[in-house]
Amino acid sequence: MLYGYLIANGLVEPTEALNQFVEMVRLYDTWEWETENKIEAKRLNDLFYMVSLDEFEAKMVDRLRTRHEFSFDEFEEKILDMEEDKIERYIRRKRREMVQTFIGDECVGIVYAESYHSELASELGTSNPHLDYIAILNMGGRKMSLRTIHDHIDVSAVAMRYGGGGHAKASGCTIGEEVYRLFAAEPFELEPLRMDATRNQFNIKGAKSGVLYESWGDDQIFVYMSPTGEWLVEWNGEPLLFHFSDFEGAERHIKRNYGAWLARDEAYVSMLTEHMLRSRAGDIQLLPDDDDEKTLEDI
């Protein structure tokens, strides 16, 4: 908006390089760079924090004045590549520290971090789409950043509850008494969320023959397609009273409500072996009848 105002009033003469620079700033500021896969916008922001403000300003002003199109120089590309490796290692560590809880009606992933908030939230949100938003707490700075990948969630509205604000997909607020209680003190005893198995060959998401998940206390959750095409759920072999039209809906439900994670192939094969042995002995049915389904409270 400011750039458009400056052009309209003859205060700035637009160029291709300047247009590209302003668009990258806008993409990163609104977090659209991730959805549109505009990685150069993120790299521009990374560079801003990697050099001094004076150096960044001098380089950008000279570049925008002398070049037809905006681009990074060779040295910048090298240090940005090194920074990306550093970010990946940081995200892998923080991914193992995130906890999940409900705050109000929203399922939230909470993690403590002082750096790389946008990159961290993007990875955590993308790999955990059942979460409504990610809350990143910087306790030293007493700030909380909120990010979401979903169009139906407005984290600026969440931030406003606690005196903050921002954009629909990227907002923040100060860590006051209520924020500390809801996002830090009450979830403190929770175990970090387990990650899905990533190297499976047999226990694959969406397999109609069934997908095995694990939850706390050695519980097993089996999601499978019924003969009618609906997706059903078993908890430790007991059918639950849930019917879903697609696999994604079933997985979202068990991840949000039970903190489940995709089991490894070893657990899947072991479960199927035990299931087959018991079915041969006539102890159980391979698929439950709808009339026999139970809710979690009944178990």
Protein backbone atom coordinates (compact mmCIF):
# COMPACT_ATOMS: atom_id res chain seq x y z
CA MET A 1 0.00 0.00 0.00
CA LEU A 2 2.79 2.43 0.89
CA TYR A 3 4.67 1.56 -2.30
CA GLY A 4 1.54 2.18 -4.36
CA TYR A 5 1.02 5.52 -2.61
CA LEU A 6 4.60 6.62 -3.30
CA ILE A 7 4.27 5.75 -7.00
CA ALA A 8 0.87 7.40 -7.33
CA ASN A 9 2.21 10.64 -5.86
CA GLY A 10 5.37 10.68 -7.97
CA LEU A 11 7.64 10.15 -4.98
CA VAL A 12 9.18 6.94 -6.34
CA GLU A 13 9.85 5.86 -9.90
CA PRO A 14 9.06 2.15 -10.23
CA THR A 15 11.57 -0.22 -11.82
CA GLU A 16 11.50 -3.96 -12.37
CA ALA A 17 14.09 -4.52 -9.65
CA LEU A 18 12.19 -2.35 -7.17
CA ASN A 19 8.90 -4.07 -8.00
CA GLN A 20 10.50 -7.47 -7.38
CA PHE A 21 12.06 -6.32 -4.09
CA VAL A 22 8.80 -4.88 -2.75
CA GLU A 23 6.88 -8.00 -3.78
CA MET A 24 9.34 -10.25 -1.94
CA VAL A 25 8.95 -8.14 1.19
CA ARG A 26 5.16 -8.37 0.89
CA LEU A 27 5.22 -12.13 0.31
CA TYR A 28 7.31 -12.71 3.39
CA ASP A 29 5.38 -10.25 5.54
CA THR A 30 2.05 -11.93 4.76
CA TRP A 31 3.56 -15.42 4.85
CA GLU A 32 2.37 -16.05 1.28
CA TRP A 33 5.91 -17.00 0.26
CA GLU A 34 5.35 -20.46 1.72
CA THR A 35 2.05 -21.18 -0.06
CA GLU A 36 3.35 -19.77 -3.35
CA ASN A 37 6.78 -21.41 -2.92
CA LYS A 38 8.61 -18.08 -3.35
CA ILE A 39 11.79 -19.11 -1.57
CA GLU A 40 13.64 -15.95 -2.65
CA ALA A 41 11.36 -13.91 -0.36
CA LYS A 42 12.46 -15.98 2.63
CA ARG A 43 16.10 -15.75 1.61
CA LEU A 44 15.83 -11.96 1.45
CA ASN A 45 14.56 -11.92 5.02
CA ASP A 46 17.34 -14.30 6.08
CA LEU A 47 19.92 -11.96 4.57
CA PHE A 48 18.43 -9.01 6.44
CA TYR A 49 19.25 -10.69 9.75
CA MET A 50 22.64 -12.03 8.68
CA VAL A 51 24.31 -8.69 7.95
CA SER A 52 24.24 -5.33 9.71
CA LEU A 53 21.38 -2.96 8.99
CA ASP A 54 23.74 -0.39 7.46
CA GLU A 55 25.33 -2.97 5.17
CA PHE A 56 21.99 -4.37 4.09
CA GLU A 57 20.60 -0.91 3.37
CA ALA A 58 23.66 0.18 1.38
CA LYS A 59 23.70 -3.00 -0.71
CA MET A 60 19.99 -2.96 -1.47
CA VAL A 61 19.86 0.74 -2.39
CA ASP A 62 22.82 0.37 -4.76
CA ARG A 63 21.37 -2.80 -6.28
CA LEU A 64 17.95 -1.30 -6.85
CA ARG A 65 19.49 1.75 -8.51
CA THR A 66 21.90 -0.06 -10.82
CA ARG A 67 20.25 -3.37 -11.78
CA HIS A 68 17.35 -4.04 -14.08
CA GLU A 69 16.28 -7.12 -12.08
CA PHE A 70 16.81 -8.00 -8.43
CA SER A 71 19.09 -10.91 -7.55
CA PHE A 72 21.59 -11.99 -4.88
CA ASP A 73 25.31 -11.88 -5.55
CA GLU A 74 27.55 -14.95 -5.37
CA PHE A 75 28.73 -14.33 -1.81
CA GLU A 76 25.16 -13.84 -0.57
CA GLU A 77 24.07 -17.08 -2.23
CA LYS A 78 26.83 -18.99 -0.44
CA ILE A 79 26.10 -17.63 3.03
CA LEU A 80 22.37 -18.13 2.49
CA ASP A 81 22.97 -21.78 1.60
CA MET A 82 24.97 -22.18 4.82
CA GLU A 83 22.17 -20.53 6.77
CA GLU A 84 19.61 -22.92 5.33
CA ASP A 85 21.63 -25.90 6.58
CA LYS A 86 21.73 -24.30 10.02
CA ILE A 87 17.96 -23.70 9.96
CA GLU A 88 17.26 -27.32 8.99
CA ARG A 89 19.26 -28.61 11.95
CA TYR A 90 17.48 -26.20 14.29
CA ILE A 91 14.05 -27.25 13.02
CA ARG A 92 14.83 -30.96 13.41
CA ARG A 93 15.70 -30.37 17.06
CA LYS A 94 12.68 -28.20 17.81
CA ARG A 95 10.30 -30.60 16.05
CA ARG A 96 10.99 -33.12 18.82
CA GLU A 97 10.08 -30.57 21.50
CA MET A 98 6.61 -29.48 20.39
CA VAL A 99 3.60 -30.28 22.60
CA GLN A 100 -0.05 -30.37 21.56
CA THR A 101 -3.08 -29.20 23.49
CA PHE A 102 -6.49 -27.60 23.09
CA ILE A 103 -6.79 -23.93 23.97
CA GLY A 104 -10.44 -23.09 23.68
CA ASP A 105 -11.81 -24.87 20.62
CA GLU A 106 -8.49 -24.85 18.77
CA CYS A 107 -5.86 -27.58 18.68
CA VAL A 108 -2.50 -25.88 19.14
CA GLY A 109 1.12 -26.93 18.74
CA ILE A 110 3.39 -25.16 21.25
CA VAL A 111 7.17 -24.92 21.05
CA TYR A 112 9.86 -22.76 22.68
CA ALA A 113 12.21 -21.05 20.25
CA GLU A 114 14.17 -17.84 19.93
CA SER A 115 15.05 -17.99 16.24
CA TYR A 116 13.66 -18.82 12.79
CA HIS A 117 10.01 -18.50 13.82
CA SER A 118 8.55 -18.40 10.32
CA GLU A 119 10.60 -21.32 9.03
CA LEU A 120 9.91 -23.38 12.15
CA ALA A 121 6.17 -22.68 12.11
CA SER A 122 5.96 -23.45 8.40
CA GLU A 123 7.59 -26.86 8.84
CA LEU A 124 5.62 -27.74 11.99
CA GLY A 125 2.32 -26.63 10.46
CA THR A 126 2.89 -28.45 7.17
CA SER A 127 3.94 -31.71 8.86
CA ASN A 128 1.06 -31.48 11.37
CA PRO A 129 -1.95 -30.21 9.40
CA HIS A 130 -4.34 -31.38 12.13
CA LEU A 131 -3.12 -28.48 14.28
CA ASP A 132 -5.09 -25.27 13.91
CA TYR A 133 -2.05 -23.09 14.55
CA ILE A 134 1.49 -23.09 15.93
CA ALA A 135 2.43 -20.99 18.96
CA ILE A 136 6.14 -20.20 19.33
CA LEU A 137 7.18 -18.86 22.72
CA ASN A 138 10.29 -16.73 23.12
CA MET A 139 10.49 -16.59 26.91
CA GLY A 140 13.57 -14.37 26.96
CA GLY A 141 11.88 -11.78 24.79
CA ARG A 142 8.47 -12.38 26.41
CA LYS A 143 6.91 -12.67 22.96
CA MET A 144 4.62 -15.28 21.40
CA SER A 145 4.42 -15.76 17.63
CA LEU A 146 1.38 -17.40 16.06
CA ARG A 147 1.35 -19.03 12.62
CA THR A 148 -1.18 -21.08 10.67
CA ILE A 149 -1.29 -22.78 7.27
CA HIS A 150 -5.10 -22.90 7.25
CA ASP A 151 -7.41 -20.43 5.51
CA HIS A 152 -10.20 -20.96 8.05
CA ILE A 153 -7.99 -19.94 11.00
CA ASP A 154 -7.22 -16.27 11.67
CA VAL A 155 -4.36 -16.05 14.15
CA SER A 156 -4.65 -12.26 14.27
CA ALA A 157 -7.97 -12.82 16.05
CA VAL A 158 -6.21 -15.17 18.48
CA ALA A 159 -3.47 -12.61 19.12
CA MET A 160 -6.04 -9.88 19.72
CA ARG A 161 -7.47 -11.88 22.63
CA TYR A 162 -4.19 -11.23 24.42
CA GLY A 163 -3.56 -7.66 23.31
CA GLY A 164 -1.60 -8.46 20.15
CA GLY A 165 -2.33 -8.49 16.42
CA GLY A 166 -0.92 -9.02 12.96
CA HIS A 167 -1.96 -10.83 9.80
CA ALA A 168 -4.45 -13.67 9.38
CA LYS A 169 -1.66 -16.24 9.06
CA ALA A 170 1.15 -14.61 11.05
CA SER A 171 0.58 -12.70 14.28
CA GLY A 172 1.95 -12.27 17.76
CA CYS A 173 1.56 -10.82 21.22
CA THR A 174 3.37 -10.22 24.49
CA ILE A 175 3.55 -13.09 26.97
CA GLY A 176 1.37 -11.72 29.74
CA GLU A 177 -0.14 -13.55 32.70
CA GLU A 178 -2.97 -15.21 30.75
CA VAL A 179 -0.73 -16.22 27.85
CA TYR A 180 1.80 -17.68 30.27
CA ARG A 181 -0.89 -19.71 32.04
CA LEU A 182 -2.54 -21.06 28.88
CA PHE A 183 0.49 -21.63 26.67
CA ALA A 184 3.29 -22.34 29.18
CA ALA A 185 2.21 -23.27 32.71
CA GLU A 186 -0.75 -25.58 31.97
CA PRO A 187 0.90 -27.49 29.07
CA PHE A 188 4.21 -27.79 30.94
CA GLU A 189 3.62 -31.39 32.05
CA LEU A 190 2.69 -32.62 28.55
CA GLU A 191 4.97 -34.99 26.68
CA PRO A 192 6.31 -33.76 23.31
CA LEU A 193 4.29 -34.85 20.29
CA ARG A 194 5.72 -37.95 18.63
CA MET A 195 6.58 -37.75 14.95
CA ASP A 196 5.07 -40.04 12.32
CA ALA A 197 7.22 -42.89 11.05
CA THR A 198 8.87 -41.73 7.83
CA ARG A 199 10.45 -44.84 6.28
CA ASN A 200 7.54 -47.25 6.17
CA GLN A 201 6.91 -49.55 3.23
CA PHE A 202 3.78 -51.30 4.54
CA ASN A 203 2.07 -49.04 7.10
CA ILE A 204 1.25 -46.29 4.65
CA LYS A 205 -1.24 -43.47 5.17
CA GLY A 206 -4.45 -43.94 3.23
CA ALA A 207 -4.01 -47.69 2.66
CA LYS A 208 -7.50 -49.18 2.40
CA SER A 209 -6.34 -52.35 4.16
CA GLY A 210 -5.70 -50.29 7.27
CA VAL A 211 -3.24 -47.92 8.90
CA LEU A 212 -1.83 -48.35 12.40
CA TYR A 213 -1.24 -45.46 14.79
CA GLU A 214 0.14 -45.47 18.31
CA SER A 215 -0.75 -43.30 21.27
CA TRP A 216 0.41 -42.86 24.85
CA GLY A 217 0.40 -45.87 27.17
CA ASP A 218 1.11 -48.38 24.37
CA ASP A 219 -2.37 -47.84 22.93
CA GLN A 220 -2.93 -48.75 19.28
CA ILE A 221 -5.41 -47.08 16.94
CA PHE A 222 -6.29 -48.82 13.68
CA VAL A 223 -7.90 -46.86 10.83
CA TYR A 224 -9.36 -48.83 7.93
CA MET A 225 -11.94 -48.67 5.15
CA SER A 226 -15.19 -50.59 5.64
CA PRO A 227 -16.95 -52.52 2.84
CA THR A 228 -19.29 -49.52 2.46
CA GLY A 229 -16.38 -47.17 1.74
CA GLU A 230 -16.37 -45.38 5.09
CA TRP A 231 -13.28 -45.05 7.23
CA LEU A 232 -13.61 -46.59 10.70
CA VAL A 233 -11.45 -46.54 13.82
CA GLU A 234 -10.52 -49.22 16.36
CA TRP A 235 -8.95 -48.47 19.74
CA ASN A 236 -6.92 -51.43 21.01
CA GLY A 237 -9.12 -53.74 18.92
CA GLU A 238 -12.40 -52.19 20.06
CA PRO A 239 -14.48 -50.36 17.42
CA LEU A 240 -15.28 -46.70 18.10
CA LEU A 241 -18.45 -44.92 17.09
CA PHE A 242 -16.83 -42.75 14.43
CA HIS A 243 -17.44 -42.84 10.67
CA PHE A 244 -15.45 -40.69 8.23
CA SER A 245 -15.94 -40.09 4.52
CA ASP A 246 -12.19 -39.92 3.85
CA PHE A 247 -8.93 -41.01 5.43
CA GLU A 248 -7.80 -37.44 6.08
CA GLY A 249 -10.82 -36.82 8.28
CA ALA A 250 -10.16 -39.96 10.30
CA GLU A 251 -6.49 -39.16 10.78
CA ARG A 252 -7.26 -35.57 11.76
CA HIS A 253 -9.68 -36.80 14.44
CA ILE A 254 -7.31 -39.27 16.08
CA LYS A 255 -4.35 -36.91 15.96
CA ARG A 256 -6.28 -34.02 17.47
CA ASN A 257 -8.08 -36.01 20.16
CA TYR A 258 -5.59 -38.77 21.00
CA GLY A 259 -2.20 -37.29 20.04
CA ALA A 260 -1.60 -40.33 17.83
CA TRP A 261 1.36 -40.88 15.52
CA LEU A 262 1.93 -43.22 12.56
CA ALA A 263 3.43 -46.49 13.83
CA ARG A 264 6.54 -48.05 12.32
CA ASP A 265 6.34 -51.05 10.03
CA GLU A 266 7.54 -53.36 12.80
CA ALA A 267 4.55 -52.55 15.01
CA TYR A 268 2.19 -52.80 12.02
CA VAL A 269 3.42 -56.25 10.99
CA SER A 270 3.30 -57.45 14.60
CA MET A 271 -0.28 -56.25 14.96
CA LEU A 272 -1.38 -57.94 11.73
CA THR A 273 0.31 -61.19 12.72
CA GLU A 274 -1.43 -61.24 16.09
CA HIS A 275 -4.72 -60.27 14.44
CA MET A 276 -4.46 -63.11 11.91
CA LEU A 277 -3.59 -65.72 14.54
CA ARG A 278 -6.53 -64.68 16.69
CA SER A 279 -8.93 -64.60 13.74
CA ARG A 280 -7.90 -68.13 12.75
CA ALA A 281 -8.67 -69.24 16.29
CA GLY A 282 -12.13 -67.70 15.90
CA ASP A 283 -11.63 -65.21 18.69
CA ILE A 284 -12.36 -62.03 16.70
CA GLN A 285 -13.88 -60.78 13.46
CA LEU A 286 -11.66 -59.23 10.84
CA LEU A 287 -14.05 -56.29 10.48
CA PRO A 288 -16.51 -55.14 13.18
CA ASP A 289 -20.23 -54.83 12.55
CA ASP A 290 -21.64 -51.32 12.84
CA ASP A 291 -23.98 -52.44 15.63
CA ASP A 292 -21.00 -53.50 17.76
CA GLU A 293 -19.22 -50.14 17.65
CA LYS A 294 -18.43 -48.45 20.94
CA THR A 295 -17.32 -45.00 21.96
CA LEU A 296 -14.04 -44.35 23.75
CA GLU A 297 -15.98 -43.76 26.97
CA ASP A 298 -17.42 -47.28 26.74
CA ILE A 299 -14.01 -48.92 26.65
